[in-house]
Structure formats: structure tokens, C-alpha cells
């Protein structure tokens, strides 16, 4: 049997190589803006960050239903506000899926 991970579906964008520690931000304490938050992904040994709204989290492979009619005006404004608060360049939000192991 292989290793199972959590599948995450979110709207927003991947922060790539951005590290919150480089900007003296504690990602676990950062409150976010509106529904937008820092969402960890990859693994607990090498955490990467996604900035957006988490829509579903399928824990250990369990199927999870969700619906998404598209980003609302409020979601888009919160994403821009979160970018400004973190000092990152805004990107257009996209519907994405990724995983977290560990």
C-alpha cells in the first residue's frame, strides 16, 4: 500500500519559491484577508505556499464534493488585499488542485 496524501482544491495562485520567513511572517499565525489565506502544500518537510481560498480538502484520499461557480468580486478583492499585505506581486486567481503530505 502506498502513502496517501491530502488533496486540496483552492482558488488563487501558487507563491512559488516565496518564503514567508524571508519577510518575517509567521504563516501559521497570519490571519489572512477575508476568506484568503496561506495554504500549505507539498510536504511538512518542505512546505510550499498557495495564496487563496480553500474550497475542499479530501483527507487521506476520501472523496470530497464541492461546487464552484467562479470567483466572486469579494474573493478577487480579498486576494488583492492579501497580496498587498504580504508584499507579493498579484496574479490572476485560478482553480487549482494540489496535495499535502506529512
Protein backbone atom coordinates (compact mmCIF):
# COMPACT_ATOMS: atom_id res chain seq x y z
CA UNK A 1 0.00 0.00 0.00
CA UNK A 2 1.36 3.44 -0.91
CA UNK A 3 1.39 6.68 1.02
CA UNK A 4 -1.81 8.70 0.98
CA UNK A 5 -1.86 12.49 0.95
CA UNK A 6 -4.49 15.16 1.41
CA UNK A 7 -5.87 16.58 -1.82
CA UNK A 8 -6.67 20.29 -1.70
CA UNK A 9 -8.78 22.29 -4.14
CA UNK A 10 -8.41 26.06 -3.94
CA UNK A 11 -8.85 29.25 -5.93
CA UNK A 12 -5.87 31.61 -6.01
CA UNK A 13 -2.27 31.18 -7.07
CA UNK A 14 0.92 29.37 -6.08
CA UNK A 15 3.55 31.55 -4.40
CA UNK A 16 6.36 29.51 -5.95
CA UNK A 17 9.67 29.99 -4.17
CA UNK A 18 8.31 32.74 -1.88
CA UNK A 19 9.12 32.05 1.74
CA UNK A 20 7.17 33.81 4.49
CA UNK A 21 10.20 33.64 6.75
CA UNK A 22 12.12 35.87 4.29
CA UNK A 23 9.54 38.59 5.02
CA UNK A 24 9.39 37.91 8.79
CA UNK A 25 5.87 36.49 8.52
CA UNK A 26 4.72 33.56 10.62
CA UNK A 27 2.48 31.73 8.11
CA UNK A 28 0.79 29.71 10.86
CA UNK A 29 -0.24 32.90 12.70
CA UNK A 30 -1.12 35.08 9.68
CA UNK A 31 -4.87 35.71 9.75
CA UNK A 32 -5.42 36.27 6.04
CA UNK A 33 -7.72 38.76 4.31
CA UNK A 34 -11.39 37.83 4.05
CA UNK A 35 -11.51 34.16 3.02
CA UNK A 36 -8.00 34.31 1.51
CA UNK A 37 -5.27 32.57 3.48
CA UNK A 38 -1.86 30.96 3.12
CA UNK A 39 -2.46 27.30 2.29
CA UNK A 40 0.48 24.94 2.85
CA UNK A 41 1.19 22.24 0.30
CA UNK A 42 3.89 19.79 -0.81
CA UNK A 43 5.13 18.19 2.44
CA UNK A 44 5.70 19.04 6.08
CA UNK A 45 9.45 18.70 5.43
CA UNK A 46 9.41 21.15 2.52
CA UNK A 47 6.40 23.44 2.85
CA UNK A 48 5.36 25.48 -0.16
CA UNK A 49 2.60 28.10 -0.11
CA UNK A 50 -0.54 28.82 -2.10
CA UNK A 51 -2.43 32.10 -1.57
CA UNK A 52 -6.15 31.71 -1.97
CA UNK A 53 -9.49 30.35 -0.80
CA UNK A 54 -9.58 26.67 0.15
CA UNK A 55 -12.68 25.05 -1.36
CA UNK A 56 -12.18 21.38 -0.45
CA UNK A 57 -9.74 19.17 1.45
CA UNK A 58 -10.01 15.44 0.73
CA UNK A 59 -8.35 13.98 3.80
CA UNK A 60 -6.25 10.89 3.08
CA UNK A 61 -7.92 10.26 -0.23
CA UNK A 62 -11.56 10.34 0.89
CA UNK A 63 -13.79 11.75 -1.86
CA UNK A 64 -14.98 15.28 -1.15
CA UNK A 65 -17.71 17.06 -3.08
CA UNK A 66 -17.55 20.78 -3.76
CA UNK A 67 -19.10 23.30 -6.10
CA UNK A 68 -17.50 26.37 -7.58
CA UNK A 69 -19.42 28.84 -9.70
CA UNK A 70 -16.42 31.10 -10.17
CA UNK A 71 -14.62 33.67 -8.09
CA UNK A 72 -16.78 36.37 -6.55
CA UNK A 73 -15.90 40.05 -6.51
CA UNK A 74 -15.21 39.72 -2.78
CA UNK A 75 -12.77 36.83 -3.37
CA UNK A 76 -10.89 38.83 -6.00
CA UNK A 77 -10.67 41.89 -3.75
CA UNK A 78 -9.53 39.78 -0.78
CA UNK A 79 -6.81 38.20 -2.96
CA UNK A 80 -5.55 41.66 -3.95
CA UNK A 81 -5.63 42.76 -0.30
CA UNK A 82 -3.71 39.66 0.79
CA UNK A 83 -1.07 40.29 -1.89
CA UNK A 84 -0.64 43.86 -0.64
CA UNK A 85 -0.45 42.70 3.00
CA UNK A 86 2.23 40.11 2.17
CA UNK A 87 4.11 42.28 -0.31
CA UNK A 88 3.77 39.78 -3.16
CA UNK A 89 3.01 40.55 -6.80
CA UNK A 90 -0.66 39.80 -7.52
CA UNK A 91 -1.53 37.17 -10.09
CA UNK A 92 -4.86 36.17 -11.56
CA UNK A 93 -6.57 33.55 -9.39
CA UNK A 94 -7.13 30.09 -10.85
CA UNK A 95 -8.89 26.95 -9.70
CA UNK A 96 -6.10 24.54 -8.66
CA UNK A 97 -5.61 21.19 -7.02
CA UNK A 98 -2.51 20.15 -5.08
CA UNK A 99 -1.55 17.93 -2.18
CA UNK A 100 -0.03 17.99 1.29
CA UNK A 101 1.89 15.06 2.68
CA UNK A 102 3.03 14.77 6.27
